PDB file of N, CA and C in Angstrom:
ATOM      1  N   MET A   1     -55.514  -6.039  10.455  1.00  0.00           N
ATOM      2  CA  MET A   1     -55.112  -6.478   8.950  1.00  0.00           C
ATOM      3  C   MET A   1     -56.296  -7.020   8.135  1.00  0.00           C
ATOM      4  N   LYS A   2     -56.536  -6.614   6.611  1.00  0.00           N
ATOM      5  CA  LYS A   2     -57.532  -7.165   5.903  1.00  0.00           C
ATOM      6  C   LYS A   2     -56.813  -7.599   4.888  1.00  0.00           C
ATOM      7  N   ILE A   3     -56.577  -8.915   4.377  1.00  0.00           N
ATOM      8  CA  ILE A   3     -56.222  -9.415   2.942  1.00  0.00           C
ATOM      9  C   ILE A   3     -57.489  -9.806   2.367  1.00  0.00           C
ATOM     10  N   ARG A   4     -57.695  -9.457   1.377  1.00  0.00           N
ATOM     11  CA  ARG A   4     -58.561  -9.396   0.550  1.00  0.00           C
ATOM     12  C   ARG A   4     -60.257  -9.462   1.333  1.00  0.00           C
ATOM     13  N   ALA A   5     -60.631 -10.901   1.122  1.00  0.00           N
ATOM     14  CA  ALA A   5     -61.926 -11.290   1.559  1.00  0.00           C
ATOM     15  C   ALA A   5     -61.902 -11.507   3.425  1.00  0.00           C
ATOM     16  N   ARG A   6     -60.517 -11.926   3.721  1.00  0.00           N
ATOM     17  CA  ARG A   6     -60.265 -12.532   4.918  1.00  0.00           C
ATOM     18  C   ARG A   6     -59.621 -11.200   5.615  1.00  0.00           C
ATOM     19  N   LYS A   7     -59.883 -11.463   6.942  1.00  0.00           N
ATOM     20  CA  LYS A   7     -59.591 -10.628   7.923  1.00  0.00           C
ATOM     21  C   LYS A   7     -58.767 -11.344   8.817  1.00  0.00           C
ATOM     22  N   PHE A   8     -57.699 -10.794   8.950  1.00  0.00           N
ATOM     23  CA  PHE A   8     -56.713 -11.415   9.958  1.00  0.00           C
ATOM     24  C   PHE A   8     -56.335 -10.317  10.902  1.00  0.00           C
ATOM     25  N   ASP A   9     -56.833 -10.481  12.056  1.00  0.00           N
ATOM     26  CA  ASP A   9     -56.462  -9.891  13.468  1.00  0.00           C
ATOM     27  C   ASP A   9     -55.485 -10.372  14.346  1.00  0.00           C
ATOM     28  N   GLY A  10     -54.298 -10.536  13.877  1.00  0.00           N
ATOM     29  CA  GLY A  10     -53.460 -11.063  14.725  1.00  0.00           C
ATOM     30  C   GLY A  10     -52.451  -9.926  15.635  1.00  0.00           C
ATOM     31  N   ARG A  11     -52.325 -10.453  16.739  1.00  0.00           N
ATOM     32  CA  ARG A  11     -51.640  -9.334  17.370  1.00  0.00           C
ATOM     33  C   ARG A  11     -50.357 -10.422  18.091  1.00  0.00           C
ATOM     34  N   CYS A  12     -49.078  -9.352  18.604  1.00  0.00           N
ATOM     35  CA  CYS A  12     -48.178 -10.019  19.283  1.00  0.00           C
ATOM     36  C   CYS A  12     -48.675  -9.964  20.853  1.00  0.00           C
ATOM     37  N   ALA A  13     -48.699 -11.253  21.393  1.00  0.00           N
ATOM     38  CA  ALA A  13     -48.782 -11.181  23.214  1.00  0.00           C
ATOM     39  C   ALA A  13     -47.925 -10.013  23.605  1.00  0.00           C
ATOM     40  N   ARG A  14     -46.795 -10.166  23.351  1.00  0.00           N
ATOM     41  CA  ARG A  14     -45.990  -9.066  24.351  1.00  0.00           C
ATOM     42  C   ARG A  14     -45.900  -7.515  23.526  1.00  0.00           C
ATOM     43  N   HIS A  15     -46.235  -7.438  22.535  1.00  0.00           N
ATOM     44  CA  HIS A  15     -46.254  -6.163  21.783  1.00  0.00           C
ATOM     45  C   HIS A  15     -47.856  -5.910  21.334  1.00  0.00           C
ATOM     46  N   LYS A  16     -48.601  -5.455  22.025  1.00  0.00           N
ATOM     47  CA  LYS A  16     -50.384  -5.357  21.531  1.00  0.00           C
ATOM     48  C   LYS A  16     -50.462  -4.308  20.631  1.00  0.00           C
ATOM     49  N   ASN A  17     -49.554  -3.310  20.964  1.00  0.00           N
ATOM     50  CA  ASN A  17     -49.863  -2.327  20.145  1.00  0.00           C
ATOM     51  C   ASN A  17     -48.990  -1.914  18.910  1.00  0.00           C
ATOM     52  N   TYR A  18     -48.433  -2.981  18.587  1.00  0.00           N
ATOM     53  CA  TYR A  18     -47.602  -3.369  16.960  1.00  0.00           C
ATOM     54  C   TYR A  18     -48.372  -3.400  15.921  1.00  0.00           C
ATOM     55  N   SER A  19     -48.310  -2.312  15.167  1.00  0.00           N
ATOM     56  CA  SER A  19     -49.200  -2.444  13.646  1.00  0.00           C
ATOM     57  C   SER A  19     -48.235  -2.305  12.657  1.00  0.00           C
ATOM     58  N   PRO A  20     -48.057  -3.179  11.603  1.00  0.00           N
ATOM     59  CA  PRO A  20     -47.014  -3.476  10.897  1.00  0.00           C
ATOM     60  C   PRO A  20     -47.177  -2.021  10.247  1.00  0.00           C
ATOM     61  N   ALA A  21     -48.417  -1.872   9.688  1.00  0.00           N
ATOM     62  CA  ALA A  21     -48.517  -0.606   8.386  1.00  0.00           C
ATOM     63  C   ALA A  21     -48.227   0.658   8.967  1.00  0.00           C
ATOM     64  N   VAL A  22     -48.269   0.856  10.372  1.00  0.00           N
ATOM     65  CA  VAL A  22     -48.066   2.089  11.256  1.00  0.00           C
ATOM     66  C   VAL A  22     -46.641   2.130  11.408  1.00  0.00           C
ATOM     67  N   ASP A  23     -46.133   1.370  11.945  1.00  0.00           N
ATOM     68  CA  ASP A  23     -44.599   1.170  13.076  1.00  0.00           C
ATOM     69  C   ASP A  23     -43.363   0.672  11.699  1.00  0.00           C
ATOM     70  N   GLY A  24     -43.803  -0.051  10.693  1.00  0.00           N
ATOM     71  CA  GLY A  24     -43.164  -0.722   9.634  1.00  0.00           C
ATOM     72  C   GLY A  24     -42.165  -1.661  10.529  1.00  0.00           C
ATOM     73  N   PHE A  25     -40.993  -2.156  10.040  1.00  0.00           N
ATOM     74  CA  PHE A  25     -40.231  -3.232  10.399  1.00  0.00           C
ATOM     75  C   PHE A  25     -39.159  -2.424  11.577  1.00  0.00           C
ATOM     76  N   SER A  26     -38.958  -1.181  11.780  1.00  0.00           N
ATOM     77  CA  SER A  26     -38.291  -0.679  12.864  1.00  0.00           C
ATOM     78  C   SER A  26     -38.880  -0.218  14.083  1.00  0.00           C
ATOM     79  N   GLY A  27     -40.222  -0.857  14.049  1.00  0.00           N
ATOM     80  CA  GLY A  27     -40.940  -0.579  15.151  1.00  0.00           C
ATOM     81  C   GLY A  27     -41.036  -1.773  15.721  1.00  0.00           C
ATOM     82  N   ILE A  28     -40.711  -3.165  15.568  1.00  0.00           N
ATOM     83  CA  ILE A  28     -40.174  -4.187  16.232  1.00  0.00           C
ATOM     84  C   ILE A  28     -39.091  -4.128  17.125  1.00  0.00           C
ATOM     85  N   ARG A  29     -39.751  -4.690  18.143  1.00  0.00           N
ATOM     86  CA  ARG A  29     -39.169  -4.406  19.489  1.00  0.00           C
ATOM     87  C   ARG A  29     -37.689  -5.399  20.021  1.00  0.00           C
ATOM     88  N   GLY A  30     -36.382  -5.666  20.182  1.00  0.00           N
ATOM     89  CA  GLY A  30     -36.269  -6.886  20.606  1.00  0.00           C
ATOM     90  C   GLY A  30     -35.708  -8.000  19.417  1.00  0.00           C
ATOM     91  N   GLY A  31     -36.157  -7.620  18.540  1.00  0.00           N
ATOM     92  CA  GLY A  31     -36.225  -8.837  17.609  1.00  0.00           C
ATOM     93  C   GLY A  31     -37.273  -9.596  17.606  1.00  0.00           C
ATOM     94  N   CYS A  32     -38.335  -9.540  18.133  1.00  0.00           N
ATOM     95  CA  CYS A  32     -39.610 -10.204  18.197  1.00  0.00           C
ATOM     96  C   CYS A  32     -40.011 -11.120  16.931  1.00  0.00           C
ATOM     97  N   ALA A  33     -40.024 -12.490  17.491  1.00  0.00           N
ATOM     98  CA  ALA A  33     -40.325 -13.496  15.940  1.00  0.00           C
ATOM     99  C   ALA A  33     -41.592 -13.234  15.820  1.00  0.00           C
ATOM    100  N   ARG A  34     -42.968 -13.299  16.691  1.00  0.00           N
ATOM    101  CA  ARG A  34     -44.153 -12.913  16.603  1.00  0.00           C
ATOM    102  C   ARG A  34     -44.555 -11.505  15.311  1.00  0.00           C
ATOM    103  N   CYS A  35     -43.579 -10.403  16.009  1.00  0.00           N
ATOM    104  CA  CYS A  35     -43.635  -9.323  15.399  1.00  0.00           C
ATOM    105  C   CYS A  35     -42.929  -9.199  14.090  1.00  0.00           C
ATOM    106  N   ASN A  36     -42.210  -9.947  13.850  1.00  0.00           N
ATOM    107  CA  ASN A  36     -41.404 -10.385  12.461  1.00  0.00           C
ATOM    108  C   ASN A  36     -42.629 -11.124  11.489  1.00  0.00           C
ATOM    109  N   LEU A  37     -43.111 -12.143  12.543  1.00  0.00           N
ATOM    110  CA  LEU A  37     -44.272 -12.857  11.663  1.00  0.00           C
ATOM    111  C   LEU A  37     -45.377 -12.061  10.980  1.00  0.00           C
ATOM    112  N   LEU A  38     -45.680 -11.147  11.542  1.00  0.00           N
ATOM    113  CA  LEU A  38     -46.588 -10.074  11.721  1.00  0.00           C
ATOM    114  C   LEU A  38     -46.223  -9.391  10.353  1.00  0.00           C
ATOM    115  N   PHE A  39     -44.958  -8.477  10.528  1.00  0.00           N
ATOM    116  CA  PHE A  39     -44.617  -7.778   9.369  1.00  0.00           C
ATOM    117  C   PHE A  39     -44.744  -8.613   8.125  1.00  0.00           C
ATOM    118  N   GLU A  40     -44.427  -9.735   8.080  1.00  0.00           N
ATOM    119  CA  GLU A  40     -43.950 -10.460   6.918  1.00  0.00           C
ATOM    120  C   GLU A  40     -45.583 -10.831   6.018  1.00  0.00           C
ATOM    121  N   ILE A  41     -46.502 -11.286   6.957  1.00  0.00           N
ATOM    122  CA  ILE A  41     -47.421 -10.958   6.681  1.00  0.00           C
ATOM    123  C   ILE A  41     -48.416 -10.028   5.738  1.00  0.00           C
ATOM    124  N   TRP A  42     -48.111  -8.844   6.663  1.00  0.00           N
ATOM    125  CA  TRP A  42     -48.166  -8.003   5.854  1.00  0.00           C
ATOM    126  C   TRP A  42     -47.603  -7.530   4.476  1.00  0.00           C
ATOM    127  N   GLU A  43     -46.558  -7.815   4.731  1.00  0.00           N
ATOM    128  CA  GLU A  43     -45.561  -7.218   3.280  1.00  0.00           C
ATOM    129  C   GLU A  43     -46.453  -8.692   2.119  1.00  0.00           C
ATOM    130  N   ALA A  44     -46.521  -9.603   2.538  1.00  0.00           N
ATOM    131  CA  ALA A  44     -46.863 -10.704   1.580  1.00  0.00           C
ATOM    132  C   ALA A  44     -48.344 -10.087   1.041  1.00  0.00           C
ATOM    133  N   SER A  45     -49.242  -9.450   1.590  1.00  0.00           N
ATOM    134  CA  SER A  45     -50.528  -9.012   1.611  1.00  0.00           C
ATOM    135  C   SER A  45     -50.301  -7.817   0.708  1.00  0.00           C
ATOM    136  N   LEU A  46     -49.368  -6.952   0.763  1.00  0.00           N
ATOM    137  CA  LEU A  46     -49.171  -5.783  -0.113  1.00  0.00           C
ATOM    138  C   LEU A  46     -48.481  -6.285  -1.745  1.00  0.00           C
ATOM    139  N   ARG A  47     -47.861  -7.237  -1.604  1.00  0.00           N
ATOM    140  CA  ARG A  47     -47.286  -8.159  -2.782  1.00  0.00           C
ATOM    141  C   ARG A  47     -48.288  -8.540  -3.400  1.00  0.00           C
ATOM    142  N   LEU A  48     -49.412  -9.277  -3.105  1.00  0.00           N
ATOM    143  CA  LEU A  48     -50.473  -9.910  -3.462  1.00  0.00           C
ATOM    144  C   LEU A  48     -51.601  -8.973  -3.889  1.00  0.00           C
ATOM    145  N   ASN A  49     -51.800  -7.802  -3.527  1.00  0.00           N
ATOM    146  CA  ASN A  49     -52.791  -6.639  -3.918  1.00  0.00           C
ATOM    147  C   ASN A  49     -52.057  -6.090  -5.229  1.00  0.00           C
ATOM    148  N   ALA A  50     -50.661  -6.025  -5.119  1.00  0.00           N
ATOM    149  CA  ALA A  50     -50.061  -5.939  -6.322  1.00  0.00           C
ATOM    150  C   ALA A  50     -49.878  -6.370  -7.663  1.00  0.00           C
ATOM    151  N   LEU A  51     -50.221  -7.745  -7.424  1.00  0.00           N
ATOM    152  CA  LEU A  51     -50.154  -8.886  -8.303  1.00  0.00           C
ATOM    153  C   LEU A  51     -51.510  -9.034  -8.921  1.00  0.00           C
ATOM    154  N   ILE A  52     -52.422  -8.984  -8.366  1.00  0.00           N
ATOM    155  CA  ILE A  52     -53.834  -8.999  -8.545  1.00  0.00           C
ATOM    156  C   ILE A  52     -54.268  -7.762  -9.306  1.00  0.00           C
ATOM    157  N   ARG A  53     -53.877  -6.581  -8.948  1.00  0.00           N
ATOM    158  CA  ARG A  53     -54.038  -4.887 -10.039  1.00  0.00           C
ATOM    159  C   ARG A  53     -53.170  -5.372 -11.157  1.00  0.00           C
ATOM    160  N   LYS A  54     -51.875  -5.850 -11.181  1.00  0.00           N
ATOM    161  CA  LYS A  54     -51.104  -6.174 -12.184  1.00  0.00           C
ATOM    162  C   LYS A  54     -51.878  -6.827 -13.169  1.00  0.00           C
ATOM    163  N   PHE A  55     -52.344  -8.186 -12.667  1.00  0.00           N
ATOM    164  CA  PHE A  55     -52.854  -8.910 -13.443  1.00  0.00           C
ATOM    165  C   PHE A  55     -53.990  -8.436 -14.246  1.00  0.00           C
ATOM    166  N   ASP A  56     -54.931  -7.973 -13.455  1.00  0.00           N
ATOM    167  CA  ASP A  56     -55.937  -7.396 -13.947  1.00  0.00           C
ATOM    168  C   ASP A  56     -56.609  -5.992 -13.254  1.00  0.00           C
ATOM    169  N   PRO A  57     -56.133  -5.181 -14.010  1.00  0.00           N
ATOM    170  CA  PRO A  57     -56.012  -3.587 -13.881  1.00  0.00           C
ATOM    171  C   PRO A  57     -57.626  -3.001 -13.540  1.00  0.00           C
ATOM    172  N   ASN A  58     -58.509  -3.749 -14.075  1.00  0.00           N
ATOM    173  CA  ASN A  58     -59.860  -3.440 -14.094  1.00  0.00           C
ATOM    174  C   ASN A  58     -60.704  -3.817 -12.976  1.00  0.00           C
ATOM    175  N   HIS A  59     -59.838  -5.062 -12.067  1.00  0.00           N
ATOM    176  CA  HIS A  59     -60.399  -5.564 -10.675  1.00  0.00           C
ATOM    177  C   HIS A  59     -60.835  -3.995  -9.653  1.00  0.00           C
ATOM    178  N   ASP A  60     -62.091  -4.388  -9.127  1.00  0.00           N
ATOM    179  CA  ASP A  60     -62.340  -3.501  -8.344  1.00  0.00           C
ATOM    180  C   ASP A  60     -62.839  -4.085  -7.119  1.00  0.00           C
ATOM    181  N   ASP A  61     -62.046  -4.439  -5.799  1.00  0.00           N
ATOM    182  CA  ASP A  61     -62.338  -5.055  -5.029  1.00  0.00           C
ATOM    183  C   ASP A  61     -62.944  -4.379  -4.038  1.00  0.00           C
ATOM    184  N   LEU A  62     -62.829  -3.431  -4.092  1.00  0.00           N
ATOM    185  CA  LEU A  62     -63.607  -2.421  -2.715  1.00  0.00           C
ATOM    186  C   LEU A  62     -65.050  -2.440  -2.933  1.00  0.00           C
ATOM    187  N   GLU A  63     -65.509  -2.367  -4.116  1.00  0.00           N
ATOM    188  CA  GLU A  63     -66.691  -2.049  -4.372  1.00  0.00           C
ATOM    189  C   GLU A  63     -67.798  -3.646  -4.370  1.00  0.00           C
ATOM    190  N   ARG A  64     -68.687  -3.707  -3.347  1.00  0.00           N
ATOM    191  CA  ARG A  64     -69.094  -5.132  -2.976  1.00  0.00           C
ATOM    192  C   ARG A  64     -70.521  -4.993  -3.987  1.00  0.00           C
ATOM    193  N   PRO A  65     -70.756  -6.635  -4.269  1.00  0.00           N
ATOM    194  CA  PRO A  65     -71.696  -6.853  -5.331  1.00  0.00           C
ATOM    195  C   PRO A  65     -73.250  -6.304  -4.561  1.00  0.00           C
ATOM    196  N   VAL A  66     -74.100  -5.607  -5.251  1.00  0.00           N
ATOM    197  CA  VAL A  66     -75.080  -5.230  -4.755  1.00  0.00           C
ATOM    198  C   VAL A  66     -76.335  -6.245  -5.266  1.00  0.00           C
ATOM    199  N   GLU A  67     -77.074  -6.538  -3.940  1.00  0.00           N
ATOM    200  CA  GLU A  67     -78.323  -7.593  -4.278  1.00  0.00           C
ATOM    201  C   GLU A  67     -79.246  -6.744  -4.412  1.00  0.00           C
ATOM    202  N   LYS A  68     -80.342  -7.273  -5.346  1.00  0.00           N
ATOM    203  CA  LYS A  68     -81.440  -6.993  -5.768  1.00  0.00           C
ATOM    204  C   LYS A  68     -82.179  -6.857  -4.431  1.00  0.00           C
ATOM    205  N   ALA A  69     -83.310  -6.077  -3.582  1.00  0.00           N
ATOM    206  CA  ALA A  69     -84.131  -6.347  -2.862  1.00  0.00           C
ATOM    207  C   ALA A  69     -85.508  -6.921  -3.335  1.00  0.00           C
ATOM    208  N   PRO A  70     -86.050  -7.948  -2.631  1.00  0.00           N
ATOM    209  CA  PRO A  70     -87.020  -8.292  -3.198  1.00  0.00           C
ATOM    210  C   PRO A  70     -88.119  -7.661  -3.204  1.00  0.00           C
ATOM    211  N   VAL A  71     -89.057  -7.856  -4.263  1.00  0.00           N
ATOM    212  CA  VAL A  71     -90.315  -6.837  -4.311  1.00  0.00           C
ATOM    213  C   VAL A  71     -91.071  -6.804  -2.893  1.00  0.00           C
ATOM    214  N   VAL A  72     -91.358  -8.154  -2.859  1.00  0.00           N
ATOM    215  CA  VAL A  72     -91.975  -8.509  -1.576  1.00  0.00           C
ATOM    216  C   VAL A  72     -90.900  -8.961  -0.310  1.00  0.00           C
ATOM    217  N   ASP A  73     -91.208  -8.589   0.873  1.00  0.00           N
ATOM    218  CA  ASP A  73     -90.522  -8.946   1.861  1.00  0.00           C
ATOM    219  C   ASP A  73     -90.675 -10.328   2.275  1.00  0.00           C
ATOM    220  N   PRO A  74     -90.374 -11.468   2.156  1.00  0.00           N
ATOM    221  CA  PRO A  74     -90.514 -12.538   2.451  1.00  0.00           C
ATOM    222  C   PRO A  74     -91.027 -12.933   3.829  1.00  0.00           C
ATOM    223  N   ARG A  75     -90.392 -12.050   4.559  1.00  0.00           N
ATOM    224  CA  ARG A  75     -90.874 -12.367   6.022  1.00  0.00           C
ATOM    225  C   ARG A  75     -92.064 -11.946   6.767  1.00  0.00           C
ATOM    226  N   GLN A  76     -92.574 -10.996   5.801  1.00  0.00           N
ATOM    227  CA  GLN A  76     -93.565 -10.215   6.058  1.00  0.00           C
ATOM    228  C   GLN A  76     -95.095 -10.740   5.465  1.00  0.00           C
ATOM    229  N   MET A  77     -95.695 -11.071   6.518  1.00  0.00           N
ATOM    230  CA  MET A  77     -97.398 -11.761   6.371  1.00  0.00           C
ATOM    231  C   MET A  77     -98.166 -10.985   5.504  1.00  0.00           C
ATOM    232  N   SER A  78     -98.754 -11.565   4.790  1.00  0.00           N
ATOM    233  CA  SER A  78     -99.745 -11.068   4.150  1.00  0.00           C
ATOM    234  C   SER A  78    -101.197 -11.039   4.686  1.00  0.00           C
ATOM    235  N   LEU A  79    -101.893  -9.669   4.729  1.00  0.00           N
ATOM    236  CA  LEU A  79    -103.479  -9.950   5.361  1.00  0.00           C
ATOM    237  C   LEU A  79    -104.255 -10.347   4.429  1.00  0.00           C
ATOM    238  N   ILE A  80    -103.654 -10.178   2.957  1.00  0.00           N
ATOM    239  CA  ILE A  80    -104.866 -10.503   1.789  1.00  0.00           C
ATOM    240  C   ILE A  80    -104.156 -12.062   1.123  1.00  0.00           C
ATOM    241  N   ALA A  81    -104.450 -13.029   1.475  1.00  0.00           N
ATOM    242  CA  ALA A  81    -104.128 -14.041   0.975  1.00  0.00           C
ATOM    243  C   ALA A  81    -104.361 -14.570  -0.571  1.00  0.00           C
ATOM    244  N   GLU A  82    -103.252 -15.005  -1.246  1.00  0.00           N
ATOM    245  CA  GLU A  82    -103.565 -15.101  -2.618  1.00  0.00           C
ATOM    246  C   GLU A  82    -104.636 -16.170  -2.378  1.00  0.00           C
TER     247      GLU A  82
END
């Protein structure tokens, strides 16, 4: 699960295949507390994304800023020194 720039790779020790995005709340077996926490974290991330889009509809977090490549690669040694 990825929340903005933070990646959260949490798994339940007993139910390693549980994924809140795929299985939902009904996929939690036996009322497992850790699976419930994973589901709450996932729901909170959805609410956070919705609030950010509501606050700034033009915000595009999917596109990464492009850095310009240097004209001369600083790692490359010059055979003709200036």
